[in-house]
PDB file of all heavy atoms in Angstrom:
ATOM      1  N   THR A   1      22.632  -8.939 -12.550  1.00  0.00           N
ATOM      2  CA  THR A   1      22.895  -9.806 -11.403  1.00  0.00           C
ATOM      3  C   THR A   1      21.565 -10.198 -10.769  1.00  0.00           C
ATOM      4  O   THR A   1      20.535  -9.564 -11.026  1.00  0.00           O
ATOM      5  CB  THR A   1      23.753  -9.082 -10.368  1.00  0.00           C
ATOM      6  OG1 THR A   1      22.946  -8.088  -9.715  1.00  0.00           O
ATOM      7  CG2 THR A   1      24.964  -8.408 -11.000  1.00  0.00           C
ATOM      8  N   PRO A   2      21.578 -11.233  -9.929  1.00  0.00           N
ATOM      9  CA  PRO A   2      20.317 -11.603  -9.253  1.00  0.00           C
ATOM     10  C   PRO A   2      19.718 -10.451  -8.459  1.00  0.00           C
ATOM     11  O   PRO A   2      18.498 -10.402  -8.264  1.00  0.00           O
ATOM     12  CB  PRO A   2      20.751 -12.761  -8.346  1.00  0.00           C
ATOM     13  CG  PRO A   2      21.900 -13.382  -9.074  1.00  0.00           C
ATOM     14  CD  PRO A   2      22.640 -12.221  -9.691  1.00  0.00           C
ATOM     15  N   GLY A   3      20.539  -9.536  -8.010  1.00  0.00           N
ATOM     16  CA  GLY A   3      20.053  -8.371  -7.276  1.00  0.00           C
ATOM     17  C   GLY A   3      19.222  -7.432  -8.114  1.00  0.00           C
ATOM     18  O   GLY A   3      18.551  -6.552  -7.571  1.00  0.00           O
ATOM     19  N   ASP A   4      19.263  -7.598  -9.413  1.00  0.00           N
ATOM     20  CA  ASP A   4      18.458  -6.770 -10.305  1.00  0.00           C
ATOM     21  C   ASP A   4      17.056  -7.355 -10.530  1.00  0.00           C
ATOM     22  O   ASP A   4      16.240  -6.724 -11.207  1.00  0.00           O
ATOM     23  CB  ASP A   4      19.156  -6.607 -11.658  1.00  0.00           C
ATOM     24  CG  ASP A   4      20.477  -5.875 -11.543  1.00  0.00           C
ATOM     25  OD1 ASP A   4      20.528  -4.839 -10.841  1.00  0.00           O
ATOM     26  OD2 ASP A   4      21.469  -6.338 -12.164  1.00  0.00           O
ATOM     27  N   THR A   5      16.812  -8.528  -9.995  1.00  0.00           N
ATOM     28  CA  THR A   5      15.497  -9.145 -10.144  1.00  0.00           C
ATOM     29  C   THR A   5      14.440  -8.287  -9.463  1.00  0.00           C
ATOM     30  O   THR A   5      14.541  -7.977  -8.277  1.00  0.00           O
ATOM     31  CB  THR A   5      15.486 -10.556  -9.540  1.00  0.00           C
ATOM     32  OG1 THR A   5      16.366 -11.390 -10.300  1.00  0.00           O
ATOM     33  CG2 THR A   5      14.082 -11.146  -9.556  1.00  0.00           C
ATOM     34  N   ALA A   6      13.428  -7.907 -10.224  1.00  0.00           N
ATOM     35  CA  ALA A   6      12.392  -7.008  -9.706  1.00  0.00           C
ATOM     36  C   ALA A   6      11.340  -6.779 -10.784  1.00  0.00           C
ATOM     37  O   ALA A   6      11.551  -7.124 -11.950  1.00  0.00           O
ATOM     38  CB  ALA A   6      12.990  -5.671  -9.288  1.00  0.00           C
ATOM     39  N   VAL A   7      10.247  -6.177 -10.367  1.00  0.00           N
ATOM     40  CA  VAL A   7       9.301  -5.622 -11.330  1.00  0.00           C
ATOM     41  C   VAL A   7       9.744  -4.189 -11.604  1.00  0.00           C
ATOM     42  O   VAL A   7       9.946  -3.415 -10.671  1.00  0.00           O
ATOM     43  CB  VAL A   7       7.862  -5.637 -10.791  1.00  0.00           C
ATOM     44  CG1 VAL A   7       6.923  -4.975 -11.791  1.00  0.00           C
ATOM     45  CG2 VAL A   7       7.415  -7.066 -10.501  1.00  0.00           C
ATOM     46  N   TYR A   8       9.911  -3.870 -12.859  1.00  0.00           N
ATOM     47  CA  TYR A   8      10.388  -2.553 -13.269  1.00  0.00           C
ATOM     48  C   TYR A   8       9.202  -1.725 -13.759  1.00  0.00           C
ATOM     49  O   TYR A   8       8.418  -2.173 -14.604  1.00  0.00           O
ATOM     50  CB  TYR A   8      11.439  -2.687 -14.365  1.00  0.00           C
ATOM     51  CG  TYR A   8      12.771  -3.123 -13.829  1.00  0.00           C
ATOM     52  CD1 TYR A   8      12.974  -4.428 -13.381  1.00  0.00           C
ATOM     53  CD2 TYR A   8      13.845  -2.233 -13.732  1.00  0.00           C
ATOM     54  CE1 TYR A   8      14.190  -4.830 -12.861  1.00  0.00           C
ATOM     55  CE2 TYR A   8      15.064  -2.623 -13.221  1.00  0.00           C
ATOM     56  CZ  TYR A   8      15.231  -3.927 -12.784  1.00  0.00           C
ATOM     57  OH  TYR A   8      16.448  -4.326 -12.263  1.00  0.00           O
ATOM     58  N   TYR A   9       9.114  -0.509 -13.218  1.00  0.00           N
ATOM     59  CA  TYR A   9       8.027   0.409 -13.556  1.00  0.00           C
ATOM     60  C   TYR A   9       8.609   1.667 -14.200  1.00  0.00           C
ATOM     61  O   TYR A   9       9.623   2.191 -13.745  1.00  0.00           O
ATOM     62  CB  TYR A   9       7.270   0.832 -12.303  1.00  0.00           C
ATOM     63  CG  TYR A   9       6.642  -0.298 -11.524  1.00  0.00           C
ATOM     64  CD1 TYR A   9       7.341  -0.967 -10.527  1.00  0.00           C
ATOM     65  CD2 TYR A   9       5.328  -0.680 -11.782  1.00  0.00           C
ATOM     66  CE1 TYR A   9       6.765  -1.992  -9.808  1.00  0.00           C
ATOM     67  CE2 TYR A   9       4.736  -1.705 -11.056  1.00  0.00           C
ATOM     68  CZ  TYR A   9       5.460  -2.353 -10.077  1.00  0.00           C
ATOM     69  OH  TYR A   9       4.869  -3.366  -9.360  1.00  0.00           O
ATOM     70  N   CYS A  10       7.942   2.143 -15.219  1.00  0.00           N
ATOM     71  CA  CYS A  10       8.340   3.439 -15.751  1.00  0.00           C
ATOM     72  C   CYS A  10       7.367   4.501 -15.250  1.00  0.00           C
ATOM     73  O   CYS A  10       6.230   4.189 -14.861  1.00  0.00           O
ATOM     74  CB  CYS A  10       8.387   3.444 -17.272  1.00  0.00           C
ATOM     75  SG  CYS A  10       6.801   3.401 -18.098  1.00  0.00           S
ATOM     76  N   ASN A  11       7.832   5.718 -15.213  1.00  0.00           N
ATOM     77  CA  ASN A  11       6.950   6.822 -14.874  1.00  0.00           C
ATOM     78  C   ASN A  11       7.312   8.021 -15.727  1.00  0.00           C
ATOM     79  O   ASN A  11       8.428   8.110 -16.265  1.00  0.00           O
ATOM     80  CB  ASN A  11       7.017   7.165 -13.381  1.00  0.00           C
ATOM     81  CG  ASN A  11       8.194   8.033 -13.024  1.00  0.00           C
ATOM     82  OD1 ASN A  11       9.319   7.747 -13.416  1.00  0.00           O
ATOM     83  ND2 ASN A  11       7.945   9.107 -12.298  1.00  0.00           N
ATOM     84  N   ALA A  12       6.360   8.909 -15.849  1.00  0.00           N
ATOM     85  CA  ALA A  12       6.570  10.079 -16.687  1.00  0.00           C
ATOM     86  C   ALA A  12       5.743  11.244 -16.175  1.00  0.00           C
ATOM     87  O   ALA A  12       4.630  11.065 -15.679  1.00  0.00           O
ATOM     88  CB  ALA A  12       6.176   9.770 -18.134  1.00  0.00           C
ATOM     89  N   TYR A  13       6.325  12.439 -16.268  1.00  0.00           N
ATOM     90  CA  TYR A  13       5.606  13.671 -15.955  1.00  0.00           C
ATOM     91  C   TYR A  13       5.091  14.223 -17.280  1.00  0.00           C
ATOM     92  O   TYR A  13       5.869  14.683 -18.116  1.00  0.00           O
ATOM     93  CB  TYR A  13       6.526  14.664 -15.271  1.00  0.00           C
ATOM     94  CG  TYR A  13       6.876  14.263 -13.861  1.00  0.00           C
ATOM     95  CD1 TYR A  13       7.953  13.423 -13.603  1.00  0.00           C
ATOM     96  CD2 TYR A  13       6.125  14.718 -12.779  1.00  0.00           C
ATOM     97  CE1 TYR A  13       8.268  13.046 -12.305  1.00  0.00           C
ATOM     98  CE2 TYR A  13       6.433  14.354 -11.484  1.00  0.00           C
ATOM     99  CZ  TYR A  13       7.508  13.515 -11.255  1.00  0.00           C
ATOM    100  OH  TYR A  13       7.809  13.141  -9.969  1.00  0.00           O
ATOM    101  N   VAL A  14       3.777  14.164 -17.436  1.00  0.00           N
ATOM    102  CA  VAL A  14       3.143  14.450 -18.721  1.00  0.00           C
ATOM    103  C   VAL A  14       2.322  15.721 -18.646  1.00  0.00           C
ATOM    104  O   VAL A  14       1.521  15.902 -17.713  1.00  0.00           O
ATOM    105  CB  VAL A  14       2.244  13.279 -19.160  1.00  0.00           C
ATOM    106  CG1 VAL A  14       1.581  13.597 -20.494  1.00  0.00           C
ATOM    107  CG2 VAL A  14       3.050  11.991 -19.264  1.00  0.00           C
ATOM    108  N   MET A  15       2.545  16.585 -19.640  1.00  0.00           N
ATOM    109  CA  MET A  15       1.710  17.775 -19.774  1.00  0.00           C
ATOM    110  C   MET A  15       0.502  17.415 -20.625  1.00  0.00           C
ATOM    111  O   MET A  15       0.641  16.907 -21.740  1.00  0.00           O
ATOM    112  CB  MET A  15       2.494  18.908 -20.424  1.00  0.00           C
ATOM    113  CG  MET A  15       3.552  19.520 -19.530  1.00  0.00           C
ATOM    114  SD  MET A  15       2.856  20.368 -18.093  1.00  0.00           S
ATOM    115  CE  MET A  15       1.920  21.653 -18.892  1.00  0.00           C
ATOM    116  N   THR A  16      -0.669  17.677 -20.090  1.00  0.00           N
ATOM    117  CA  THR A  16      -1.923  17.396 -20.780  1.00  0.00           C
ATOM    118  C   THR A  16      -2.704  18.684 -20.930  1.00  0.00           C
ATOM    119  O   THR A  16      -2.683  19.534 -20.038  1.00  0.00           O
ATOM    120  CB  THR A  16      -2.759  16.378 -19.994  1.00  0.00           C
ATOM    121  OG1 THR A  16      -2.018  15.174 -19.855  1.00  0.00           O
ATOM    122  CG2 THR A  16      -4.071  16.084 -20.690  1.00  0.00           C
ATOM    123  N   VAL A  17      -3.377  18.812 -22.044  1.00  0.00           N
ATOM    124  CA  VAL A  17      -4.222  19.980 -22.266  1.00  0.00           C
ATOM    125  C   VAL A  17      -5.663  19.597 -22.006  1.00  0.00           C
ATOM    126  O   VAL A  17      -6.165  18.640 -22.592  1.00  0.00           O
ATOM    127  CB  VAL A  17      -4.069  20.521 -23.698  1.00  0.00           C
ATOM    128  CG1 VAL A  17      -4.991  21.714 -23.912  1.00  0.00           C
ATOM    129  CG2 VAL A  17      -2.627  20.921 -23.961  1.00  0.00           C
ATOM    130  N   SER A  18      -6.293  20.332 -21.108  1.00  0.00           N
ATOM    131  CA  SER A  18      -7.698  20.079 -20.787  1.00  0.00           C
ATOM    132  C   SER A  18      -8.505  21.346 -21.034  1.00  0.00           C
ATOM    133  O   SER A  18      -7.935  22.414 -21.233  1.00  0.00           O
ATOM    134  CB  SER A  18      -7.816  19.658 -19.320  1.00  0.00           C
ATOM    135  OG  SER A  18      -7.599  20.777 -18.483  1.00  0.00           O
ATOM    136  N   PRO A  19      -9.831  21.241 -20.993  1.00  0.00           N
ATOM    137  CA  PRO A  19     -10.651  22.459 -21.163  1.00  0.00           C
ATOM    138  C   PRO A  19     -10.306  23.531 -20.136  1.00  0.00           C
ATOM    139  O   PRO A  19     -10.491  24.725 -20.393  1.00  0.00           O
ATOM    140  CB  PRO A  19     -12.074  21.931 -20.992  1.00  0.00           C
ATOM    141  CG  PRO A  19     -12.001  20.510 -21.415  1.00  0.00           C
ATOM    142  CD  PRO A  19     -10.644  20.029 -20.950  1.00  0.00           C
ATOM    143  N   ALA A  20      -9.794  23.106 -18.994  1.00  0.00           N
ATOM    144  CA  ALA A  20      -9.433  24.071 -17.952  1.00  0.00           C
ATOM    145  C   ALA A  20      -8.037  24.632 -18.149  1.00  0.00           C
ATOM    146  O   ALA A  20      -7.628  25.524 -17.413  1.00  0.00           O
ATOM    147  CB  ALA A  20      -9.537  23.410 -16.578  1.00  0.00           C
ATOM    148  N   GLY A  21      -7.314  24.095 -19.131  1.00  0.00           N
ATOM    149  CA  GLY A  21      -5.959  24.558 -19.389  1.00  0.00           C
ATOM    150  C   GLY A  21      -4.956  23.438 -19.247  1.00  0.00           C
ATOM    151  O   GLY A  21      -5.309  22.314 -18.891  1.00  0.00           O
ATOM    152  N   PRO A  22      -3.684  23.718 -19.502  1.00  0.00           N
ATOM    153  CA  PRO A  22      -2.656  22.668 -19.403  1.00  0.00           C
ATOM    154  C   PRO A  22      -2.309  22.352 -17.952  1.00  0.00           C
ATOM    155  O   PRO A  22      -2.362  23.228 -17.084  1.00  0.00           O
ATOM    156  CB  PRO A  22      -1.461  23.295 -20.131  1.00  0.00           C
ATOM    157  CG  PRO A  22      -1.658  24.759 -19.954  1.00  0.00           C
ATOM    158  CD  PRO A  22      -3.139  24.987 -19.969  1.00  0.00           C
ATOM    159  N   TYR A  23      -1.986  21.113 -17.705  1.00  0.00           N
ATOM    160  CA  TYR A  23      -1.530  20.732 -16.368  1.00  0.00           C
ATOM    161  C   TYR A  23      -0.605  19.553 -16.497  1.00  0.00           C
ATOM    162  O   TYR A  23      -0.644  18.798 -17.458  1.00  0.00           O
ATOM    163  CB  TYR A  23      -2.713  20.382 -15.444  1.00  0.00           C
ATOM    164  CG  TYR A  23      -3.453  19.119 -15.826  1.00  0.00           C
ATOM    165  CD1 TYR A  23      -3.115  17.887 -15.258  1.00  0.00           C
ATOM    166  CD2 TYR A  23      -4.492  19.161 -16.751  1.00  0.00           C
ATOM    167  CE1 TYR A  23      -3.793  16.735 -15.616  1.00  0.00           C
ATOM    168  CE2 TYR A  23      -5.173  18.003 -17.115  1.00  0.00           C
ATOM    169  CZ  TYR A  23      -4.832  16.803 -16.542  1.00  0.00           C
ATOM    170  OH  TYR A  23      -5.501  15.660 -16.902  1.00  0.00           O
ATOM    171  N   GLU A  24       0.249  19.388 -15.497  1.00  0.00           N
ATOM    172  CA  GLU A  24       1.206  18.286 -15.478  1.00  0.00           C
ATOM    173  C   GLU A  24       0.783  17.265 -14.435  1.00  0.00           C
ATOM    174  O   GLU A  24       0.387  17.620 -13.333  1.00  0.00           O
ATOM    175  CB  GLU A  24       2.606  18.793 -15.156  1.00  0.00           C
ATOM    176  CG  GLU A  24       3.667  17.684 -15.165  1.00  0.00           C
ATOM    177  CD  GLU A  24       5.043  18.181 -14.754  1.00  0.00           C
ATOM    178  OE1 GLU A  24       5.223  18.499 -13.561  1.00  0.00           O
ATOM    179  OE2 GLU A  24       5.922  18.253 -15.629  1.00  0.00           O
TER     180      GLU A  24
END
């Protein structure tokens, strides 16, 4: 519907491994 008109964004909670250890 016209009410759905918008910019749509995705997001994600990502686990990354760094030299300091894993973090989200």
